[in-house]
Amino acid sequence: MVSLRNDTAEKIAHCEDAVHRSIATHSIRAERPLDEVLGDIQQTANLPLHRATTLPPEAYTSDAFYQWEVGHLFKPEWLCLAHVSQVPTAGDFLALDLLGEPLVVVHGKDDIVRVLSSTCPHRGMDIMPPGFGHEGHGTAEATGQPGCGHTRLFLCPYHAWTYELDGRLKACPEMQQAEGFTRDEIGLREFRSEIWNGFVFVNLDGAADPLAGRLAEMNADFGQWNPAGMKIVIQREWDCPFNWKVLVENFMESYHHLGAHAKTLQPMMPARDTWNEQERQLYVRCHLPFKDAVLEGLGAREHPFGFPTIGGLDESKKRESGLFLIHPNFLAFVQPDRIVWYRVEPLGPNRMKLLTTMLVPEETAGLPEFGTMLERETPLFFEFHLEDMEMCTAIQRGMSALGAQRGRLSHLEMSIWLIQRYLAARARGSWPTLDRDAAPGQRSMNQTGLT
């Protein structure tokens, strides 16, 4: 385990205390009906970037709007659950809840990674409760990371029904008198899943178009980091008292480097230099160039960015960081030596769970000096996450306040505008760029970012 400096650990504890207080003190403001909110979002998304405004507060506070998102964004689309490095060998699993659905990502004996329901088809018991069942009862063992474990098979702790790692029912004691009962016809439900660049996605309603084909253009870009050949070396769960979009919007715009990250990210990646690519159907791509003076200063170091620079990257990618959003909530922050991936788990209009991770190539993690590198890089990793947690918590409080107003967006917040256009397209039953002209990238705009 990587140790944290005392000041970083104290800041984490302070942030967690603030989170718990905020969860208990959300105020209530009057909200409009869902159809009015959806109409408002359409009008907002139709504005050009140079006239763009923020969404109505109800988009972040209304339970009716959140339930609309569950039905129109989350269940019909692809959601990322895990990276393959979390379940590297047969018997490894990751248990989690997604939108109230108990799931387990498991590496099978046949070397296939599946997403199974962890609900026993006998009496509905969640076979992966906290602690993986009663102490001393069962085969699953926790591995120390959030939700992760290892097992030979799945055992329901209620009536001792057991299941193979592919979900097939293996044994069900004392069922011989159940007329017409056929063991082979019963098993844990398998959800439709895809592995894309090492990330495990699930589609809860099973009707989404295949993911990989829709991300071919992004694959040519993001795939240069070879995420499938990486492993998670840091991860931390956060209980967050804010709407999932607050987090996604914060992640995808770098305008707030000027304030929230004035001492951490702004000196390296100035907000004014960041820019967005053109609008795409399924994802958003942003560029965060390093300051020239920073690159010059890093040039003398053996590993300029902390870990060895990843081979195979275009030279331009060695001079910047980058942001990716796959709608609705896959978030990745890339640097020349690593990927930071967020798993976003919405829990309601005012709550979400977040897993923040850092991934590096397996060969980097295998270096003799890797432990020293990781010890050095860990404090900054937590530092800017803490800054974001404080900001997002305060934003959600503001959204619920009677004094909440609609703000104007900067050209440096183009990502937020693109997210609005995505929400509006889904409300129309379409996708960005399919029934509207795609917005051009900012490198084809003038210096103010206005068309």
Protein backbone atom coordinates (compact mmCIF):
# COMPACT_ATOMS: atom_id res chain seq x y z
CA MET A 1 0.00 0.00 0.00
CA VAL A 2 1.16 3.54 -0.74
CA SER A 3 1.37 5.76 2.32
CA LEU A 4 -0.07 9.29 2.29
CA ARG A 5 1.56 12.35 3.75
CA ASN A 6 -0.12 13.36 7.01
CA ASP A 7 -1.44 16.61 5.53
CA THR A 8 -3.02 14.78 2.59
CA ALA A 9 -4.64 12.19 4.88
CA GLU A 10 -6.01 15.00 7.09
CA LYS A 11 -7.49 16.76 4.05
CA ILE A 12 -9.20 13.54 2.96
CA ALA A 13 -10.69 13.10 6.45
CA HIS A 14 -11.84 16.74 6.45
CA CYS A 15 -13.42 16.34 3.01
CA GLU A 16 -15.25 13.17 4.11
CA ASP A 17 -16.64 14.99 7.16
CA ALA A 18 -17.89 17.81 4.93
CA VAL A 19 -19.50 15.27 2.59
CA HIS A 20 -21.42 13.63 5.41
CA ARG A 21 -22.62 17.01 6.70
CA SER A 22 -23.70 18.06 3.23
CA ILE A 23 -25.65 14.83 2.65
CA ALA A 24 -27.68 15.58 5.77
CA THR A 25 -28.39 19.25 5.01
CA HIS A 26 -29.57 19.47 1.39
CA SER A 27 -32.16 22.22 1.12
CA ILE A 28 -35.35 21.91 -0.90
CA ARG A 29 -36.37 24.34 -3.63
CA ALA A 30 -39.50 24.43 -5.77
CA GLU A 31 -39.17 22.38 -8.96
CA ARG A 32 -40.99 22.51 -12.27
CA PRO A 33 -42.65 19.51 -13.93
CA LEU A 34 -40.43 17.16 -15.93
CA ASP A 35 -41.80 18.18 -19.34
CA GLU A 36 -40.94 21.82 -18.63
CA VAL A 37 -37.42 20.90 -17.58
CA LEU A 38 -36.89 18.80 -20.73
CA GLY A 39 -38.21 21.64 -22.88
CA ASP A 40 -35.88 24.07 -21.13
CA ILE A 41 -32.91 21.77 -21.85
CA GLN A 42 -33.84 21.65 -25.54
CA GLN A 43 -33.90 25.44 -25.72
CA THR A 44 -30.64 25.73 -23.81
CA ALA A 45 -28.88 23.19 -26.04
CA ASN A 46 -30.04 25.03 -29.19
CA LEU A 47 -28.04 28.12 -28.21
CA PRO A 48 -24.68 28.59 -29.97
CA LEU A 49 -21.57 28.36 -27.81
CA HIS A 50 -21.07 32.13 -27.67
CA ARG A 51 -24.55 32.47 -26.09
CA ALA A 52 -24.49 29.28 -24.01
CA THR A 53 -25.90 29.15 -20.48
CA THR A 54 -25.98 26.58 -17.72
CA LEU A 55 -28.80 24.04 -17.39
CA PRO A 56 -31.78 24.66 -15.12
CA PRO A 57 -31.11 23.68 -11.47
CA GLU A 58 -33.75 20.94 -11.71
CA ALA A 59 -31.38 18.99 -13.97
CA TYR A 60 -29.22 18.46 -10.87
CA THR A 61 -31.83 18.29 -8.10
CA SER A 62 -35.09 16.84 -9.44
CA ASP A 63 -35.89 13.22 -8.65
CA ALA A 64 -38.24 13.12 -11.66
CA PHE A 65 -35.43 14.22 -13.97
CA TYR A 66 -33.04 11.71 -12.41
CA GLN A 67 -35.57 8.92 -13.02
CA TRP A 68 -35.81 10.11 -16.63
CA GLU A 69 -32.03 9.77 -16.88
CA VAL A 70 -32.15 6.24 -15.48
CA GLY A 71 -34.69 5.23 -18.13
CA HIS A 72 -33.23 7.16 -21.09
CA LEU A 73 -29.49 7.36 -20.44
CA PHE A 74 -28.25 4.73 -18.03
CA LYS A 75 -30.21 1.55 -18.63
CA PRO A 76 -30.32 1.83 -22.46
CA GLU A 77 -26.63 2.74 -22.85
CA TRP A 78 -23.18 1.32 -22.11
CA LEU A 79 -21.85 1.93 -18.60
CA CYS A 80 -18.30 1.16 -17.52
CA LEU A 81 -17.93 -1.08 -14.46
CA ALA A 82 -14.32 -2.18 -14.27
CA HIS A 83 -10.90 -2.50 -15.81
CA VAL A 84 -9.68 -6.00 -16.61
CA SER A 85 -6.74 -5.54 -14.23
CA GLN A 86 -9.26 -5.66 -11.36
CA VAL A 87 -10.15 -9.25 -12.30
CA PRO A 88 -6.90 -10.56 -13.81
CA THR A 89 -7.22 -14.31 -13.19
CA ALA A 90 -9.95 -16.98 -13.14
CA GLY A 91 -12.02 -16.65 -9.97
CA ASP A 92 -11.36 -12.92 -9.52
CA PHE A 93 -14.51 -10.85 -9.21
CA LEU A 94 -15.74 -7.33 -8.52
CA ALA A 95 -19.10 -6.90 -6.77
CA LEU A 96 -20.99 -3.61 -6.99
CA ASP A 97 -24.44 -2.09 -7.25
CA LEU A 98 -25.36 -0.15 -10.38
CA LEU A 99 -28.61 1.84 -10.26
CA GLY A 100 -29.76 -0.50 -7.48
CA GLU A 101 -28.88 -3.60 -9.53
CA PRO A 102 -26.52 -5.98 -7.65
CA LEU A 103 -23.86 -7.07 -10.15
CA VAL A 104 -20.66 -9.07 -10.18
CA VAL A 105 -17.93 -8.78 -12.81
CA VAL A 106 -16.19 -12.15 -12.84
CA HIS A 107 -13.25 -13.71 -14.66
CA GLY A 108 -14.47 -17.21 -15.57
CA LYS A 109 -12.59 -20.49 -15.70
CA ASP A 110 -12.93 -20.27 -19.49
CA ASP A 111 -11.01 -16.95 -19.40
CA ILE A 112 -14.12 -14.93 -20.32
CA VAL A 113 -15.01 -11.88 -18.26
CA ARG A 114 -18.77 -11.71 -17.66
CA VAL A 115 -21.21 -9.41 -15.89
CA LEU A 116 -23.67 -11.45 -13.83
CA SER A 117 -26.54 -10.58 -11.57
CA SER A 118 -25.67 -11.41 -7.98
CA THR A 119 -29.35 -12.04 -7.20
CA CYS A 120 -30.04 -15.70 -6.43
CA PRO A 121 -32.92 -16.97 -8.61
CA HIS A 122 -34.19 -19.10 -5.71
CA ARG A 123 -35.45 -16.48 -3.25
CA GLY A 124 -33.87 -13.24 -4.47
CA MET A 125 -30.97 -13.15 -2.02
CA ASP A 126 -28.00 -10.96 -2.98
CA ILE A 127 -25.24 -13.56 -2.92
CA MET A 128 -22.58 -10.82 -2.62
CA PRO A 129 -23.68 -8.81 0.41
CA PRO A 130 -21.07 -6.64 2.19
CA GLY A 131 -18.38 -9.00 3.43
CA PHE A 132 -19.40 -11.62 0.85
CA GLY A 133 -21.68 -13.56 3.19
CA HIS A 134 -21.44 -14.73 6.78
CA GLU A 135 -18.02 -14.89 8.33
CA GLY A 136 -16.54 -18.34 7.83
CA HIS A 137 -19.33 -19.35 5.46
CA GLY A 138 -18.52 -19.56 1.77
CA THR A 139 -15.57 -19.64 -0.57
CA ALA A 140 -15.17 -15.95 -1.48
CA GLU A 141 -12.29 -13.99 -0.04
CA ALA A 142 -11.87 -10.22 -0.22
CA THR A 143 -8.63 -8.99 -1.78
CA GLY A 144 -8.46 -5.61 -0.08
CA GLN A 145 -9.67 -3.38 -2.93
CA PRO A 146 -13.22 -1.97 -3.02
CA GLY A 147 -15.63 -4.80 -3.92
CA CYS A 148 -12.90 -7.12 -5.19
CA GLY A 149 -12.42 -10.76 -4.22
CA HIS A 150 -11.53 -14.26 -5.37
CA THR A 151 -13.62 -17.43 -5.31
CA ARG A 152 -13.93 -20.96 -6.75
CA LEU A 153 -17.70 -20.62 -7.12
CA PHE A 154 -20.55 -18.42 -5.92
CA LEU A 155 -22.39 -19.54 -2.82
CA CYS A 156 -25.72 -18.07 -1.79
CA PRO A 157 -25.46 -17.74 2.01
CA TYR A 158 -29.24 -18.10 2.45
CA HIS A 159 -29.87 -21.73 1.38
CA ALA A 160 -26.39 -22.77 0.18
CA TRP A 161 -27.22 -22.88 -3.53
CA THR A 162 -23.97 -22.72 -5.47
CA TYR A 163 -23.17 -21.38 -8.93
CA GLU A 164 -20.27 -21.77 -11.32
CA LEU A 165 -18.30 -18.68 -12.31
CA ASP A 166 -20.28 -18.51 -15.56
CA GLY A 167 -23.53 -18.35 -13.57
CA ARG A 168 -24.71 -21.96 -14.08
CA LEU A 169 -26.36 -23.59 -11.07
CA LYS A 170 -23.98 -26.19 -9.65
CA ALA A 171 -25.78 -27.49 -6.57
CA CYS A 172 -29.11 -26.92 -4.81
CA PRO A 173 -29.57 -29.10 -1.70
CA GLU A 174 -32.89 -30.77 -0.84
CA MET A 175 -34.68 -29.92 -4.07
CA GLN A 176 -35.39 -33.53 -5.08
CA GLN A 177 -39.10 -33.30 -4.22
CA ALA A 178 -39.73 -30.16 -6.28
CA GLU A 179 -41.72 -31.57 -9.21
CA GLY A 180 -40.59 -30.37 -12.62
CA PHE A 181 -37.52 -28.66 -11.19
CA THR A 182 -34.61 -28.71 -13.66
CA ARG A 183 -31.26 -27.51 -12.40
CA ASP A 184 -29.85 -26.85 -15.88
CA GLU A 185 -32.58 -24.29 -16.59
CA ILE A 186 -31.65 -22.08 -13.62
CA GLY A 187 -28.67 -19.79 -13.12
CA LEU A 188 -27.53 -16.29 -12.37
CA ARG A 189 -28.68 -13.88 -15.05
CA GLU A 190 -25.93 -12.68 -17.39
CA PHE A 191 -26.05 -9.08 -18.60
CA ARG A 192 -24.80 -8.03 -22.00
CA SER A 193 -21.24 -6.76 -21.75
CA GLU A 194 -18.32 -5.66 -23.91
CA ILE A 195 -14.64 -5.17 -23.21
CA TRP A 196 -13.26 -2.12 -25.01
CA ASN A 197 -9.60 -1.18 -24.56
CA GLY A 198 -9.48 -3.19 -21.35
CA PHE A 199 -12.57 -1.58 -19.81
CA VAL A 200 -15.64 -3.70 -19.01
CA PHE A 201 -18.95 -2.12 -20.06
CA VAL A 202 -22.47 -3.35 -19.35
CA ASN A 203 -25.78 -2.61 -21.07
CA LEU A 204 -28.58 -3.27 -18.59
CA ASP A 205 -31.49 -3.38 -21.04
CA GLY A 206 -29.53 -5.43 -23.59
CA ALA A 207 -30.67 -3.39 -26.59
CA ALA A 208 -27.81 -0.94 -27.20
CA ASP A 209 -25.88 -0.98 -30.47
CA PRO A 210 -22.44 -2.64 -30.16
CA LEU A 211 -20.02 -0.26 -28.49
CA ALA A 212 -16.72 -0.90 -30.26
CA GLY A 213 -17.98 -0.03 -33.74
CA ARG A 214 -19.28 3.32 -32.54
CA LEU A 215 -15.91 4.21 -31.00
CA ALA A 216 -13.60 3.41 -33.93
CA GLU A 217 -12.42 7.02 -34.21
CA MET A 218 -11.78 7.31 -30.49
CA ASN A 219 -9.99 3.98 -30.52
CA ALA A 220 -7.40 5.35 -32.96
CA ASP A 221 -6.72 8.12 -30.44
CA PHE A 222 -7.28 6.67 -26.95
CA GLY A 223 -5.97 3.27 -28.04
CA GLN A 224 -2.45 4.69 -28.39
CA TRP A 225 -2.11 4.41 -24.60
CA ASN A 226 -2.85 0.65 -24.87
CA PRO A 227 -5.21 0.72 -21.86
CA ALA A 228 -5.75 -3.05 -22.11
CA GLY A 229 -2.08 -3.50 -21.23
CA MET A 230 -2.33 -1.35 -18.12
CA LYS A 231 -3.12 -2.09 -14.49
CA ILE A 232 -4.70 -0.08 -11.70
CA VAL A 233 -2.08 0.94 -9.14
CA ILE A 234 -4.13 3.38 -7.03
CA GLN A 235 -7.86 3.38 -6.34
CA ARG A 236 -10.11 5.07 -3.84
CA GLU A 237 -13.88 5.21 -3.32
CA TRP A 238 -15.63 8.48 -2.50
CA ASP A 239 -19.18 8.98 -1.19
CA CYS A 240 -20.27 12.14 -3.00
CA PRO A 241 -23.21 14.42 -2.07
CA PHE A 242 -23.69 15.79 -5.57
CA ASN A 243 -25.34 14.97 -8.88
CA TRP A 244 -23.38 12.83 -11.34
CA LYS A 245 -23.43 15.62 -13.96
CA VAL A 246 -21.76 18.02 -11.54
CA LEU A 247 -18.82 15.62 -11.46
CA VAL A 248 -18.82 14.94 -15.22
CA GLU A 249 -18.99 18.62 -16.13
CA ASN A 250 -16.25 19.48 -13.64
CA PHE A 251 -14.03 16.71 -15.03
CA MET A 252 -14.51 17.73 -18.66
CA GLU A 253 -13.77 21.47 -18.48
CA SER A 254 -10.44 23.02 -17.56
CA TYR A 255 -11.68 26.60 -17.07
CA HIS A 256 -11.73 25.83 -13.33
CA HIS A 257 -7.95 25.32 -13.34
CA LEU A 258 -7.90 29.11 -12.78
CA GLY A 259 -9.62 28.75 -9.42
CA ALA A 260 -9.93 25.25 -7.99
CA HIS A 261 -6.52 24.06 -9.24
CA ALA A 262 -4.61 27.37 -9.15
CA LYS A 263 -1.64 25.76 -7.38
CA THR A 264 -1.80 22.22 -8.80
CA LEU A 265 -2.92 21.98 -12.44
CA GLN A 266 -3.04 25.60 -13.63
CA PRO A 267 0.78 26.14 -13.48
CA MET A 268 1.26 23.08 -15.72
CA MET A 269 -1.83 23.24 -17.98
CA PRO A 270 -3.15 26.82 -18.16
CA ALA A 271 -6.90 27.01 -18.68
CA ARG A 272 -6.64 29.50 -21.56
CA ASP A 273 -4.67 27.01 -23.69
CA THR A 274 -7.18 24.15 -23.44
CA TRP A 275 -9.46 23.31 -26.34
CA ASN A 276 -12.15 20.90 -27.57
CA GLU A 277 -12.32 18.78 -30.68
CA GLN A 278 -15.40 18.73 -32.88
CA GLU A 279 -18.67 17.26 -31.63
CA ARG A 280 -19.11 13.52 -32.01
CA GLN A 281 -22.00 11.13 -31.58
CA LEU A 282 -20.78 9.18 -28.57
CA TYR A 283 -17.83 10.98 -26.99
CA VAL A 284 -16.19 14.31 -26.15
CA ARG A 285 -12.44 14.94 -26.51
CA CYS A 286 -10.47 17.80 -24.92
CA HIS A 287 -6.80 18.82 -25.08
CA LEU A 288 -4.81 20.32 -22.19
CA PRO A 289 -1.40 21.45 -23.52
CA PHE A 290 1.48 21.70 -21.08
CA LYS A 291 3.04 25.11 -20.67
CA ASP A 292 6.20 25.44 -22.79
CA ALA A 293 8.27 26.37 -19.72
CA VAL A 294 7.02 23.25 -17.96
CA LEU A 295 8.08 21.03 -20.86
CA GLU A 296 11.48 22.70 -20.94
CA GLY A 297 11.91 22.11 -17.23
CA LEU A 298 10.84 18.48 -17.50
CA GLY A 299 13.18 17.76 -20.39
CA ALA A 300 16.17 17.17 -18.12
CA ARG A 301 14.42 14.45 -16.12
CA GLU A 302 14.79 10.77 -16.95
CA HIS A 303 11.02 10.32 -16.62
CA PRO A 304 9.61 13.81 -17.28
CA PHE A 305 6.07 13.09 -16.13
CA GLY A 306 6.81 10.84 -13.13
CA PHE A 307 6.62 7.41 -14.75
CA PRO A 308 8.29 6.31 -18.02
CA THR A 309 6.66 7.92 -21.04
CA ILE A 310 4.44 5.46 -22.89
CA GLY A 311 5.94 4.22 -26.14
CA GLY A 312 3.94 4.53 -29.35
CA LEU A 313 2.33 7.88 -28.52
CA ASP A 314 2.25 10.57 -31.17
CA GLU A 315 4.71 13.35 -30.36
CA SER A 316 1.81 15.77 -29.85
CA LYS A 317 0.45 13.53 -27.07
CA LYS A 318 3.74 13.84 -25.21
CA ARG A 319 3.20 17.60 -24.91
CA GLU A 320 -0.24 17.60 -23.31
CA SER A 321 -2.79 15.90 -21.12
CA GLY A 322 -6.23 15.00 -22.43
CA LEU A 323 -9.81 14.36 -21.37
CA PHE A 324 -12.28 11.81 -22.74
CA LEU A 325 -15.98 11.41 -21.98
CA ILE A 326 -17.94 8.51 -23.45
CA HIS A 327 -21.58 9.44 -22.89
CA PRO A 328 -23.05 9.34 -20.39
CA ASN A 329 -20.37 8.92 -17.70
CA PHE A 330 -17.12 7.19 -18.75
CA LEU A 331 -14.31 9.59 -17.78
CA ALA A 332 -10.60 9.26 -18.55
CA PHE A 333 -7.76 11.73 -18.01
CA VAL A 334 -4.67 10.82 -20.04
CA GLN A 335 -1.09 11.92 -19.56
CA PRO A 336 2.03 10.79 -21.44
CA ASP A 337 2.76 8.19 -18.74
CA ARG A 338 -0.63 7.15 -17.28
CA ILE A 339 -4.43 7.14 -17.39
CA VAL A 340 -6.71 8.32 -14.60
CA TRP A 341 -10.11 6.62 -14.87
CA TYR A 342 -13.28 7.47 -12.92
CA ARG A 343 -16.08 4.97 -12.30
CA VAL A 344 -19.22 7.05 -11.77
CA GLU A 345 -22.13 5.35 -9.97
CA PRO A 346 -25.26 7.57 -9.75
CA LEU A 347 -27.32 7.01 -6.60
CA GLY A 348 -29.97 9.71 -7.00
CA PRO A 349 -30.29 13.38 -7.90
CA ASN A 350 -28.07 14.43 -4.99
CA ARG A 351 -25.83 11.40 -4.48
CA MET A 352 -23.25 9.33 -6.30
CA LYS A 353 -20.38 6.99 -5.56
CA LEU A 354 -17.06 7.55 -7.26
CA LEU A 355 -14.06 5.29 -7.75
CA THR A 356 -10.93 7.21 -8.74
CA THR A 357 -8.09 5.14 -10.19
CA MET A 358 -4.65 5.51 -11.72
CA LEU A 359 -3.48 3.08 -14.41
CA VAL A 360 0.05 2.57 -15.73
CA PRO A 361 1.50 0.07 -18.21
CA GLU A 362 2.25 -3.33 -16.72
CA GLU A 363 5.92 -2.93 -17.62
CA THR A 364 6.01 0.34 -15.64
CA ALA A 365 4.48 -1.35 -12.60
CA GLY A 366 7.11 -4.09 -12.88
CA LEU A 367 10.10 -1.76 -12.62
CA PRO A 368 12.27 -2.19 -9.47
CA GLU A 369 11.97 1.53 -8.72
CA PHE A 370 8.20 1.67 -9.29
CA GLY A 371 7.37 1.79 -5.58
CA THR A 372 9.45 4.92 -5.15
CA MET A 373 7.83 6.51 -8.22
CA LEU A 374 4.34 5.73 -6.96
CA GLU A 375 5.11 7.09 -3.49
CA ARG A 376 6.20 10.34 -5.10
CA GLU A 377 3.19 10.66 -7.43
CA THR A 378 0.44 9.69 -4.97
CA PRO A 379 0.11 12.99 -3.02
CA LEU A 380 -0.60 15.04 -6.18
CA PHE A 381 -3.11 12.42 -7.32
CA PHE A 382 -5.12 12.93 -4.13
CA GLU A 383 -4.52 16.67 -3.98
CA PHE A 384 -6.40 17.63 -7.12
CA HIS A 385 -9.14 15.07 -6.40
CA LEU A 386 -9.72 16.72 -3.03
CA GLU A 387 -9.92 20.11 -4.70
CA ASP A 388 -12.60 18.78 -7.05
CA MET A 389 -14.57 17.10 -4.25
CA GLU A 390 -14.77 20.39 -2.35
CA MET A 391 -15.91 22.28 -5.44
CA CYS A 392 -18.53 19.73 -6.52
CA THR A 393 -20.00 19.52 -3.01
CA ALA A 394 -20.40 23.30 -2.91
CA ILE A 395 -21.89 23.38 -6.43
CA GLN A 396 -24.63 20.92 -5.45
CA ARG A 397 -25.52 23.03 -2.42
CA GLY A 398 -25.82 26.01 -4.72
CA MET A 399 -28.09 24.13 -7.13
CA SER A 400 -30.52 23.48 -4.28
CA ALA A 401 -30.47 27.06 -3.01
CA LEU A 402 -33.25 29.60 -3.47
CA GLY A 403 -30.64 31.96 -4.84
CA ALA A 404 -29.58 29.65 -7.67
CA GLN A 405 -29.38 31.42 -11.05
CA ARG A 406 -28.61 30.46 -14.65
CA GLY A 407 -25.01 31.27 -15.52
CA ARG A 408 -23.26 32.05 -18.82
CA LEU A 409 -20.60 29.68 -20.14
CA SER A 410 -17.08 30.57 -21.24
CA HIS A 411 -15.71 29.23 -24.53
CA LEU A 412 -13.39 27.20 -22.24
CA GLU A 413 -16.50 25.33 -21.07
CA MET A 414 -17.37 23.95 -24.50
CA SER A 415 -17.53 20.43 -23.01
CA ILE A 416 -20.48 21.46 -20.83
CA TRP A 417 -22.25 22.81 -23.91
CA LEU A 418 -21.62 19.51 -25.72
CA ILE A 419 -23.04 17.57 -22.76
CA GLN A 420 -26.16 19.72 -22.96
CA ARG A 421 -26.48 18.89 -26.65
CA TYR A 422 -26.14 15.20 -25.79
CA LEU A 423 -28.94 15.39 -23.19
CA ALA A 424 -31.18 17.25 -25.63
CA ALA A 425 -30.51 14.71 -28.39
CA ARG A 426 -31.38 11.79 -26.11
CA ALA A 427 -34.59 13.57 -25.10
CA ARG A 428 -35.43 13.71 -28.83
CA GLY A 429 -34.65 10.01 -29.19
CA SER A 430 -31.55 10.81 -31.24
CA TRP A 431 -27.79 11.27 -30.77
CA PRO A 432 -25.51 14.27 -31.23
CA THR A 433 -24.57 14.89 -34.89
CA LEU A 434 -27.36 12.63 -36.24
CA ASP A 435 -30.15 15.20 -36.49
CA ARG A 436 -28.10 18.39 -36.02
CA ASP A 437 -24.90 19.59 -37.69
CA ALA A 438 -21.82 18.66 -35.65
CA ALA A 439 -20.25 21.57 -33.78
CA PRO A 440 -16.74 22.33 -35.09
CA GLY A 441 -13.66 21.91 -32.99
CA GLN A 442 -12.11 24.97 -31.37
CA ARG A 443 -8.92 24.72 -33.39
CA SER A 444 -11.08 25.78 -36.36
CA MET A 445 -12.51 28.73 -34.43
CA ASN A 446 -11.04 32.15 -33.93
CA GLN A 447 -9.05 32.98 -30.81
CA THR A 448 -12.09 33.80 -28.71
CA GLY A 449 -13.64 30.42 -29.45
CA LEU A 450 -16.71 32.00 -31.09
CA THR A 451 -18.09 31.13 -34.51
